[in-house]
PDB file of all heavy atoms in Angstrom:
ATOM      1  N   TYR A   1       0.779  -1.232  -0.017  1.00  0.00           N
ATOM      2  CA  TYR A   1       0.033   0.007   0.029  1.00  0.00           C
ATOM      3  C   TYR A   1       0.837   1.322   0.090  1.00  0.00           C
ATOM      4  O   TYR A   1       1.993   1.142   0.527  1.00  0.00           O
ATOM      5  CB  TYR A   1      -0.917   0.056   1.249  1.00  0.00           C
ATOM      6  CG  TYR A   1      -2.048  -0.981   1.150  1.00  0.00           C
ATOM      7  CD1 TYR A   1      -1.853  -2.366   1.448  1.00  0.00           C
ATOM      8  CD2 TYR A   1      -3.285  -0.523   0.763  1.00  0.00           C
ATOM      9  CE1 TYR A   1      -2.929  -3.216   1.293  1.00  0.00           C
ATOM     10  CE2 TYR A   1      -4.438  -1.355   0.710  1.00  0.00           C
ATOM     11  CZ  TYR A   1      -4.221  -2.742   0.967  1.00  0.00           C
ATOM     12  OH  TYR A   1      -5.242  -3.546   0.869  1.00  0.00           O
ATOM     13  N   VAL A   2       0.336   2.242  -0.561  1.00  0.00           N
ATOM     14  CA  VAL A   2       1.000   3.582  -0.766  1.00  0.00           C
ATOM     15  C   VAL A   2       0.191   4.791  -0.360  1.00  0.00           C
ATOM     16  O   VAL A   2      -1.010   4.693  -0.734  1.00  0.00           O
ATOM     17  CB  VAL A   2       1.746   3.700  -2.055  1.00  0.00           C
ATOM     18  CG1 VAL A   2       0.821   3.785  -3.144  1.00  0.00           C
ATOM     19  CG2 VAL A   2       2.706   4.875  -2.070  1.00  0.00           C
ATOM     20  N   LYS A   3       0.702   5.829   0.166  1.00  0.00           N
ATOM     21  CA  LYS A   3      -0.062   6.950   0.404  1.00  0.00           C
ATOM     22  C   LYS A   3       0.867   8.190   0.636  1.00  0.00           C
ATOM     23  O   LYS A   3       2.077   8.009   1.023  1.00  0.00           O
ATOM     24  CB  LYS A   3      -1.061   6.921   1.576  1.00  0.00           C
ATOM     25  CG  LYS A   3      -0.351   6.820   2.916  1.00  0.00           C
ATOM     26  CD  LYS A   3      -1.316   6.957   4.093  1.00  0.00           C
ATOM     27  CE  LYS A   3      -0.666   6.843   5.419  1.00  0.00           C
ATOM     28  NZ  LYS A   3      -1.626   6.912   6.589  1.00  0.00           N
ATOM     29  N   ARG A   4       0.388   9.336   0.550  1.00  0.00           N
ATOM     30  CA  ARG A   4       1.063  10.586   0.974  1.00  0.00           C
ATOM     31  C   ARG A   4       0.356  11.374   1.898  1.00  0.00           C
ATOM     32  O   ARG A   4      -0.977  11.401   1.839  1.00  0.00           O
ATOM     33  CB  ARG A   4       1.607  11.475  -0.287  1.00  0.00           C
ATOM     34  CG  ARG A   4       0.368  12.025  -1.082  1.00  0.00           C
ATOM     35  CD  ARG A   4       0.972  12.815  -2.156  1.00  0.00           C
ATOM     36  NE  ARG A   4      -0.143  13.248  -3.214  1.00  0.00           N
ATOM     37  CZ  ARG A   4      -0.688  14.438  -3.183  1.00  0.00           C
ATOM     38  NH1 ARG A   4      -0.362  15.367  -2.342  1.00  0.00           N
ATOM     39  NH2 ARG A   4      -1.616  14.701  -4.081  1.00  0.00           N
ATOM     40  N   VAL A   5       0.981  11.993   2.911  1.00  0.00           N
ATOM     41  CA  VAL A   5       0.333  12.698   4.027  1.00  0.00           C
ATOM     42  C   VAL A   5       1.040  14.001   4.187  1.00  0.00           C
ATOM     43  O   VAL A   5       2.211  14.112   4.144  1.00  0.00           O
ATOM     44  CB  VAL A   5       0.403  11.822   5.291  1.00  0.00           C
ATOM     45  CG1 VAL A   5      -0.340  12.486   6.551  1.00  0.00           C
ATOM     46  CG2 VAL A   5      -0.215  10.389   5.090  1.00  0.00           C
ATOM     47  N   GLN A   6       0.232  15.063   4.469  1.00  0.00           N
ATOM     48  CA  GLN A   6       0.885  16.349   4.829  1.00  0.00           C
ATOM     49  C   GLN A   6       1.821  16.254   5.963  1.00  0.00           C
ATOM     50  O   GLN A   6       1.443  15.521   6.965  1.00  0.00           O
ATOM     51  CB  GLN A   6      -0.222  17.312   5.217  1.00  0.00           C
ATOM     52  CG  GLN A   6      -1.019  17.850   3.881  1.00  0.00           C
ATOM     53  CD  GLN A   6      -0.299  18.805   3.119  1.00  0.00           C
ATOM     54  OE1 GLN A   6       0.685  19.354   3.577  1.00  0.00           O
ATOM     55  NE2 GLN A   6      -0.786  18.964   1.784  1.00  0.00           N
ATOM     56  N   LEU A   7       2.978  16.793   5.909  1.00  0.00           N
ATOM     57  CA  LEU A   7       3.965  16.679   7.013  1.00  0.00           C
ATOM     58  C   LEU A   7       3.512  17.275   8.334  1.00  0.00           C
ATOM     59  O   LEU A   7       3.776  16.727   9.353  1.00  0.00           O
ATOM     60  CB  LEU A   7       5.368  17.344   6.610  1.00  0.00           C
ATOM     61  CG  LEU A   7       6.432  17.206   7.402  1.00  0.00           C
ATOM     62  CD1 LEU A   7       6.856  15.660   7.522  1.00  0.00           C
ATOM     63  CD2 LEU A   7       7.759  17.929   6.944  1.00  0.00           C
ATOM     64  N   GLY A   8       2.575  18.301   8.203  1.00  0.00           N
ATOM     65  CA  GLY A   8       2.106  18.848   9.406  1.00  0.00           C
ATOM     66  C   GLY A   8       1.164  17.989  10.211  1.00  0.00           C
ATOM     67  O   GLY A   8       0.878  18.278  11.421  1.00  0.00           O
ATOM     68  N   GLU A   9       0.805  16.765   9.702  1.00  0.00           N
ATOM     69  CA  GLU A   9       0.036  15.809  10.494  1.00  0.00           C
ATOM     70  C   GLU A   9       0.929  15.225  11.547  1.00  0.00           C
ATOM     71  O   GLU A   9       0.341  14.677  12.508  1.00  0.00           O
ATOM     72  CB  GLU A   9      -0.460  14.691   9.639  1.00  0.00           C
ATOM     73  CG  GLU A   9      -1.473  15.165   8.521  1.00  0.00           C
ATOM     74  CD  GLU A   9      -2.918  15.144   9.159  1.00  0.00           C
ATOM     75  OE1 GLU A   9      -3.147  14.470  10.184  1.00  0.00           O
ATOM     76  OE2 GLU A   9      -3.852  15.838   8.669  1.00  0.00           O
ATOM     77  N   TYR A  10       2.193  15.261  11.465  1.00  0.00           N
ATOM     78  CA  TYR A  10       3.074  14.744  12.412  1.00  0.00           C
ATOM     79  C   TYR A  10       3.769  15.878  13.130  1.00  0.00           C
ATOM     80  O   TYR A  10       4.655  16.510  12.537  1.00  0.00           O
ATOM     81  CB  TYR A  10       4.091  13.788  11.797  1.00  0.00           C
ATOM     82  CG  TYR A  10       3.467  12.684  10.948  1.00  0.00           C
ATOM     83  CD1 TYR A  10       3.289  12.882   9.597  1.00  0.00           C
ATOM     84  CD2 TYR A  10       3.094  11.475  11.568  1.00  0.00           C
ATOM     85  CE1 TYR A  10       2.632  11.848   8.837  1.00  0.00           C
ATOM     86  CE2 TYR A  10       2.554  10.527  10.794  1.00  0.00           C
ATOM     87  CZ  TYR A  10       2.242  10.704   9.392  1.00  0.00           C
ATOM     88  OH  TYR A  10       1.645   9.655   8.657  1.00  0.00           O
ATOM     89  N   ARG A  11       3.494  15.968  14.442  1.00  0.00           N
ATOM     90  CA  ARG A  11       4.104  17.089  15.168  1.00  0.00           C
ATOM     91  C   ARG A  11       5.112  16.540  16.187  1.00  0.00           C
ATOM     92  O   ARG A  11       4.914  15.419  16.704  1.00  0.00           O
ATOM     93  CB  ARG A  11       2.943  17.830  15.979  1.00  0.00           C
ATOM     94  CG  ARG A  11       2.085  18.639  14.958  1.00  0.00           C
ATOM     95  CD  ARG A  11       1.230  19.550  15.707  1.00  0.00           C
ATOM     96  NE  ARG A  11       0.454  20.426  14.799  1.00  0.00           N
ATOM     97  CZ  ARG A  11      -0.668  20.050  14.200  1.00  0.00           C
ATOM     98  NH1 ARG A  11      -1.133  18.817  14.470  1.00  0.00           N
ATOM     99  NH2 ARG A  11      -1.346  20.912  13.401  1.00  0.00           N
ATOM    100  N   THR A  12       6.033  17.270  16.463  1.00  0.00           N
ATOM    101  CA  THR A  12       7.057  16.979  17.557  1.00  0.00           C
ATOM    102  C   THR A  12       6.386  16.828  18.917  1.00  0.00           C
ATOM    103  O   THR A  12       5.618  17.704  19.287  1.00  0.00           O
ATOM    104  CB  THR A  12       8.174  18.022  17.716  1.00  0.00           C
ATOM    105  OG1 THR A  12       8.730  18.179  16.264  1.00  0.00           O
ATOM    106  CG2 THR A  12       9.231  17.602  18.658  1.00  0.00           C
ATOM    107  N   GLN A  13       6.698  15.750  19.639  1.00  0.00           N
ATOM    108  CA  GLN A  13       6.090  15.533  20.940  1.00  0.00           C
ATOM    109  C   GLN A  13       7.166  15.744  21.982  1.00  0.00           C
ATOM    110  O   GLN A  13       8.357  15.583  21.727  1.00  0.00           O
ATOM    111  CB  GLN A  13       5.582  14.113  21.054  1.00  0.00           C
ATOM    112  CG  GLN A  13       4.501  13.818  20.151  1.00  0.00           C
ATOM    113  CD  GLN A  13       3.869  12.433  20.211  1.00  0.00           C
ATOM    114  OE1 GLN A  13       4.216  11.674  21.100  1.00  0.00           O
ATOM    115  NE2 GLN A  13       2.887  12.103  19.410  1.00  0.00           N
ATOM    116  N   LYS A  14       6.687  16.161  23.217  1.00  0.00           N
ATOM    117  CA  LYS A  14       7.654  16.342  24.230  1.00  0.00           C
ATOM    118  C   LYS A  14       8.079  15.080  24.936  1.00  0.00           C
ATOM    119  O   LYS A  14       7.503  13.985  24.549  1.00  0.00           O
ATOM    120  CB  LYS A  14       7.009  17.303  25.257  1.00  0.00           C
ATOM    121  CG  LYS A  14       6.758  18.734  24.641  1.00  0.00           C
ATOM    122  CD  LYS A  14       6.101  19.554  25.712  1.00  0.00           C
ATOM    123  CE  LYS A  14       5.869  20.978  25.056  1.00  0.00           C
ATOM    124  NZ  LYS A  14       5.118  21.856  25.874  1.00  0.00           N
ATOM    125  N   ARG A  15       8.996  15.096  25.848  1.00  0.00           N
ATOM    126  CA  ARG A  15       9.557  13.910  26.515  1.00  0.00           C
ATOM    127  C   ARG A  15       8.356  13.141  27.128  1.00  0.00           C
ATOM    128  O   ARG A  15       7.503  13.746  27.770  1.00  0.00           O
ATOM    129  CB  ARG A  15      10.566  14.298  27.455  1.00  0.00           C
ATOM    130  CG  ARG A  15      11.421  13.107  27.910  1.00  0.00           C
ATOM    131  CD  ARG A  15      12.569  13.537  28.849  1.00  0.00           C
ATOM    132  NE  ARG A  15      12.024  13.864  30.172  1.00  0.00           N
ATOM    133  CZ  ARG A  15      12.712  13.942  31.189  1.00  0.00           C
ATOM    134  NH1 ARG A  15      14.051  13.987  31.091  1.00  0.00           N
ATOM    135  NH2 ARG A  15      12.230  14.079  32.456  1.00  0.00           N
ATOM    136  N   GLY A  16       8.348  11.886  26.980  1.00  0.00           N
ATOM    137  CA  GLY A  16       7.281  11.076  27.527  1.00  0.00           C
ATOM    138  C   GLY A  16       6.125  10.914  26.514  1.00  0.00           C
ATOM    139  O   GLY A  16       5.071  10.224  26.839  1.00  0.00           O
ATOM    140  N   GLY A  17       6.150  11.489  25.461  1.00  0.00           N
ATOM    141  CA  GLY A  17       5.095  11.375  24.466  1.00  0.00           C
ATOM    142  C   GLY A  17       4.893   9.940  23.999  1.00  0.00           C
ATOM    143  O   GLY A  17       5.796   9.143  23.878  1.00  0.00           O
ATOM    144  N   ARG A  18       3.625   9.488  23.780  1.00  0.00           N
ATOM    145  CA  ARG A  18       3.288   8.144  23.513  1.00  0.00           C
ATOM    146  C   ARG A  18       3.267   7.958  21.978  1.00  0.00           C
ATOM    147  O   ARG A  18       3.060   6.671  21.679  1.00  0.00           O
ATOM    148  CB  ARG A  18       1.949   7.868  24.153  1.00  0.00           C
ATOM    149  CG  ARG A  18       1.933   7.828  25.642  1.00  0.00           C
ATOM    150  CD  ARG A  18       0.626   7.774  26.215  1.00  0.00           C
ATOM    151  NE  ARG A  18      -0.246   6.767  25.612  1.00  0.00           N
ATOM    152  CZ  ARG A  18      -1.473   6.591  25.766  1.00  0.00           C
ATOM    153  NH1 ARG A  18      -2.165   7.308  26.807  1.00  0.00           N
ATOM    154  NH2 ARG A  18      -2.226   5.657  25.192  1.00  0.00           N
ATOM    155  N   GLY A  19       3.512   8.873  21.243  1.00  0.00           N
ATOM    156  CA  GLY A  19       3.483   8.608  19.762  1.00  0.00           C
ATOM    157  C   GLY A  19       2.085   8.592  19.150  1.00  0.00           C
ATOM    158  O   GLY A  19       1.084   8.594  19.939  1.00  0.00           O
ATOM    159  N   LYS A  20       1.927   8.654  17.863  1.00  0.00           N
ATOM    160  CA  LYS A  20       0.676   8.568  17.191  1.00  0.00           C
ATOM    161  C   LYS A  20       0.676   7.494  16.033  1.00  0.00           C
ATOM    162  O   LYS A  20       1.774   7.287  15.605  1.00  0.00           O
ATOM    163  CB  LYS A  20       0.310   9.966  16.616  1.00  0.00           C
ATOM    164  CG  LYS A  20       0.004  11.010  17.578  1.00  0.00           C
ATOM    165  CD  LYS A  20      -0.415  12.289  16.897  1.00  0.00           C
ATOM    166  CE  LYS A  20      -0.900  13.461  17.822  1.00  0.00           C
ATOM    167  NZ  LYS A  20      -1.225  14.608  17.116  1.00  0.00           N
ATOM    168  N   SER A  21      -0.471   6.979  15.754  1.00  0.00           N
ATOM    169  CA  SER A  21      -0.565   6.079  14.638  1.00  0.00           C
ATOM    170  C   SER A  21      -0.189   6.780  13.312  1.00  0.00           C
ATOM    171  O   SER A  21      -0.760   7.851  13.057  1.00  0.00           O
ATOM    172  CB  SER A  21      -1.942   5.555  14.568  1.00  0.00           C
ATOM    173  OG  SER A  21      -2.085   4.681  13.474  1.00  0.00           O
ATOM    174  N   GLY A  22       0.730   6.205  12.602  1.00  0.00           N
ATOM    175  CA  GLY A  22       1.031   6.831  11.364  1.00  0.00           C
ATOM    176  C   GLY A  22       0.479   6.168  10.079  1.00  0.00           C
ATOM    177  O   GLY A  22       0.363   6.751   8.990  1.00  0.00           O
ATOM    178  N   MET A  23      -0.071   5.014  10.315  1.00  0.00           N
ATOM    179  CA  MET A  23      -0.613   4.276   9.227  1.00  0.00           C
ATOM    180  C   MET A  23      -1.348   2.988   9.725  1.00  0.00           C
ATOM    181  O   MET A  23      -0.909   2.373  10.671  1.00  0.00           O
ATOM    182  CB  MET A  23       0.459   3.834   8.167  1.00  0.00           C
ATOM    183  CG  MET A  23      -0.059   3.166   6.876  1.00  0.00           C
ATOM    184  SD  MET A  23       1.208   2.981   5.731  1.00  0.00           S
ATOM    185  CE  MET A  23       0.337   2.586   4.320  1.00  0.00           C
ATOM    186  N   SER A  24      -2.517   2.768   9.122  1.00  0.00           N
ATOM    187  CA  SER A  24      -3.257   1.509   9.482  1.00  0.00           C
ATOM    188  C   SER A  24      -2.597   0.447   8.713  1.00  0.00           C
ATOM    189  O   SER A  24      -2.383   0.620   7.498  1.00  0.00           O
ATOM    190  CB  SER A  24      -4.780   1.634   9.229  1.00  0.00           C
ATOM    191  OG  SER A  24      -5.285   2.579  10.084  1.00  0.00           O
ATOM    192  N   THR A  25      -2.463  -0.806   9.214  1.00  0.00           N
ATOM    193  CA  THR A  25      -2.039  -1.961   8.472  1.00  0.00           C
ATOM    194  C   THR A  25      -2.972  -3.165   8.877  1.00  0.00           C
ATOM    195  O   THR A  25      -3.667  -3.226   9.847  1.00  0.00           O
ATOM    196  CB  THR A  25      -0.610  -2.233   8.960  1.00  0.00           C
ATOM    197  OG1 THR A  25      -0.543  -2.473  10.373  1.00  0.00           O
ATOM    198  CG2 THR A  25       0.292  -1.264   8.569  1.00  0.00           C
ATOM    199  N   LYS A  26      -2.823  -4.140   7.909  1.00  0.00           N
ATOM    200  CA  LYS A  26      -3.579  -5.360   8.095  1.00  0.00           C
ATOM    201  C   LYS A  26      -2.727  -6.361   8.781  1.00  0.00           C
ATOM    202  O   LYS A  26      -1.482  -6.525   8.478  1.00  0.00           O
ATOM    203  CB  LYS A  26      -3.980  -5.935   6.634  1.00  0.00           C
ATOM    204  CG  LYS A  26      -5.203  -5.355   6.081  1.00  0.00           C
ATOM    205  CD  LYS A  26      -5.382  -6.127   4.770  1.00  0.00           C
ATOM    206  CE  LYS A  26      -6.799  -5.761   4.175  1.00  0.00           C
ATOM    207  NZ  LYS A  26      -6.982  -6.494   2.844  1.00  0.00           N
ATOM    208  N   ASP A  27      -3.203  -7.168   9.522  1.00  0.00           N
ATOM    209  CA  ASP A  27      -2.640  -8.305  10.233  1.00  0.00           C
ATOM    210  C   ASP A  27      -1.053  -8.287  10.270  1.00  0.00           C
ATOM    211  O   ASP A  27      -0.440  -7.676  11.108  1.00  0.00           O
ATOM    212  CB  ASP A  27      -3.071  -9.599   9.518  1.00  0.00           C
ATOM    213  CG  ASP A  27      -4.592  -9.739   9.574  1.00  0.00           C
ATOM    214  OD1 ASP A  27      -5.157  -9.352  10.521  1.00  0.00           O
ATOM    215  OD2 ASP A  27      -5.225 -10.320   8.617  1.00  0.00           O
ATOM    216  N   THR A  28      -0.490  -9.071   9.340  1.00  0.00           N
ATOM    217  CA  THR A  28       1.032  -9.185   9.333  1.00  0.00           C
ATOM    218  C   THR A  28       1.776  -8.140   8.590  1.00  0.00           C
ATOM    219  O   THR A  28       2.926  -8.209   8.376  1.00  0.00           O
ATOM    220  CB  THR A  28       1.464 -10.572   8.802  1.00  0.00           C
ATOM    221  OG1 THR A  28       0.954 -10.727   7.497  1.00  0.00           O
ATOM    222  CG2 THR A  28       0.855 -11.722   9.651  1.00  0.00           C
ATOM    223  N   ASP A  29       1.029  -7.148   8.048  1.00  0.00           N
ATOM    224  CA  ASP A  29       1.664  -6.110   7.246  1.00  0.00           C
ATOM    225  C   ASP A  29       2.484  -5.155   8.179  1.00  0.00           C
ATOM    226  O   ASP A  29       2.249  -5.062   9.421  1.00  0.00           O
ATOM    227  CB  ASP A  29       0.587  -5.274   6.497  1.00  0.00           C
ATOM    228  CG  ASP A  29       1.123  -4.453   5.299  1.00  0.00           C
ATOM    229  OD1 ASP A  29       2.348  -4.628   5.086  1.00  0.00           O
ATOM    230  OD2 ASP A  29       0.295  -3.764   4.680  1.00  0.00           O
ATOM    231  N   PHE A  30       3.350  -4.376   7.600  1.00  0.00           N
ATOM    232  CA  PHE A  30       4.117  -3.336   8.390  1.00  0.00           C
ATOM    233  C   PHE A  30       4.603  -2.285   7.420  1.00  0.00           C
ATOM    234  O   PHE A  30       4.692  -2.467   6.242  1.00  0.00           O
ATOM    235  CB  PHE A  30       5.306  -4.064   9.045  1.00  0.00           C
ATOM    236  CG  PHE A  30       6.263  -4.744   8.264  1.00  0.00           C
ATOM    237  CD1 PHE A  30       7.344  -4.118   7.732  1.00  0.00           C
ATOM    238  CD2 PHE A  30       6.040  -6.110   7.915  1.00  0.00           C
ATOM    239  CE1 PHE A  30       8.288  -4.823   6.941  1.00  0.00           C
ATOM    240  CE2 PHE A  30       6.905  -6.842   7.112  1.00  0.00           C
ATOM    241  CZ  PHE A  30       8.002  -6.186   6.610  1.00  0.00           C
ATOM    242  N   VAL A  31       4.951  -1.143   7.977  1.00  0.00           N
ATOM    243  CA  VAL A  31       5.432   0.033   7.115  1.00  0.00           C
ATOM    244  C   VAL A  31       6.851  -0.297   6.870  1.00  0.00           C
ATOM    245  O   VAL A  31       7.686  -0.625   7.820  1.00  0.00           O
ATOM    246  CB  VAL A  31       5.321   1.396   7.985  1.00  0.00           C
ATOM    247  CG1 VAL A  31       5.923   2.473   7.146  1.00  0.00           C
ATOM    248  CG2 VAL A  31       3.921   1.681   8.213  1.00  0.00           C
ATOM    249  N   GLU A  32       7.202  -0.222   5.635  1.00  0.00           N
ATOM    250  CA  GLU A  32       8.552  -0.550   5.170  1.00  0.00           C
ATOM    251  C   GLU A  32       9.380   0.687   4.659  1.00  0.00           C
ATOM    252  O   GLU A  32      10.644   0.776   4.896  1.00  0.00           O
ATOM    253  CB  GLU A  32       8.537  -1.562   3.978  1.00  0.00           C
ATOM    254  CG  GLU A  32       9.829  -2.174   3.720  1.00  0.00           C
ATOM    255  CD  GLU A  32       9.647  -3.404   2.936  1.00  0.00           C
ATOM    256  OE1 GLU A  32       8.567  -3.713   2.460  1.00  0.00           O
ATOM    257  OE2 GLU A  32      10.671  -4.133   2.662  1.00  0.00           O
ATOM    258  N   HIS A  33       8.757   1.678   4.039  1.00  0.00           N
ATOM    259  CA  HIS A  33       9.495   2.793   3.521  1.00  0.00           C
ATOM    260  C   HIS A  33       8.755   4.107   3.922  1.00  0.00           C
ATOM    261  O   HIS A  33       7.502   4.179   3.822  1.00  0.00           O
ATOM    262  CB  HIS A  33       9.563   2.797   2.039  1.00  0.00           C
ATOM    263  CG  HIS A  33      10.172   1.659   1.465  1.00  0.00           C
ATOM    264  ND1 HIS A  33      11.609   1.299   1.506  1.00  0.00           N
ATOM    265  CD2 HIS A  33       9.642   0.453   0.818  1.00  0.00           C
ATOM    266  CE1 HIS A  33      11.781  -0.002   0.988  1.00  0.00           C
ATOM    267  NE2 HIS A  33      10.694  -0.340   0.523  1.00  0.00           N
ATOM    268  N   LEU A  34       9.498   5.164   4.387  1.00  0.00           N
ATOM    269  CA  LEU A  34       9.025   6.416   4.734  1.00  0.00           C
ATOM    270  C   LEU A  34       9.920   7.535   4.284  1.00  0.00           C
ATOM    271  O   LEU A  34      11.202   7.456   4.509  1.00  0.00           O
ATOM    272  CB  LEU A  34       8.784   6.506   6.310  1.00  0.00           C
ATOM    273  CG  LEU A  34       8.398   7.771   6.816  1.00  0.00           C
ATOM    274  CD1 LEU A  34       6.906   8.162   6.492  1.00  0.00           C
ATOM    275  CD2 LEU A  34       8.445   7.852   8.447  1.00  0.00           C
ATOM    276  N   PHE A  35       9.380   8.556   3.514  1.00  0.00           N
ATOM    277  CA  PHE A  35      10.177   9.607   3.006  1.00  0.00           C
ATOM    278  C   PHE A  35       9.600  10.983   3.251  1.00  0.00           C
ATOM    279  O   PHE A  35       8.376  11.046   3.341  1.00  0.00           O
ATOM    280  CB  PHE A  35      10.354   9.391   1.533  1.00  0.00           C
ATOM    281  CG  PHE A  35      11.096   8.184   1.045  1.00  0.00           C
ATOM    282  CD1 PHE A  35      10.343   7.022   0.731  1.00  0.00           C
ATOM    283  CD2 PHE A  35      12.566   8.126   1.009  1.00  0.00           C
ATOM    284  CE1 PHE A  35      11.108   5.900   0.319  1.00  0.00           C
ATOM    285  CE2 PHE A  35      13.179   7.002   0.599  1.00  0.00           C
ATOM    286  CZ  PHE A  35      12.441   5.823   0.307  1.00  0.00           C
ATOM    287  N   VAL A  36      10.496  11.992   3.461  1.00  0.00           N
ATOM    288  CA  VAL A  36      10.028  13.334   3.436  1.00  0.00           C
ATOM    289  C   VAL A  36      10.383  13.856   2.050  1.00  0.00           C
ATOM    290  O   VAL A  36      11.495  13.817   1.689  1.00  0.00           O
ATOM    291  CB  VAL A  36      10.639  14.110   4.593  1.00  0.00           C
ATOM    292  CG1 VAL A  36      10.312  15.553   4.514  1.00  0.00           C
ATOM    293  CG2 VAL A  36      10.326  13.595   5.919  1.00  0.00           C
ATOM    294  N   ALA A  37       9.286  14.360   1.396  1.00  0.00           N
ATOM    295  CA  ALA A  37       9.517  14.843   0.075  1.00  0.00           C
ATOM    296  C   ALA A  37       8.614  15.946  -0.332  1.00  0.00           C
ATOM    297  O   ALA A  37       7.530  16.047   0.179  1.00  0.00           O
ATOM    298  CB  ALA A  37       9.400  13.559  -0.820  1.00  0.00           C
TER     299      ALA A  37
END
């Protein structure tokens, strides 16, 4: 699967941040490539 997302969707978190979901995946799938472009 492929998609592009506005960079502003991902904001810097402070120490102790829990992170945010960056992409939904199916079962055994995983994110393999990520680029800023």
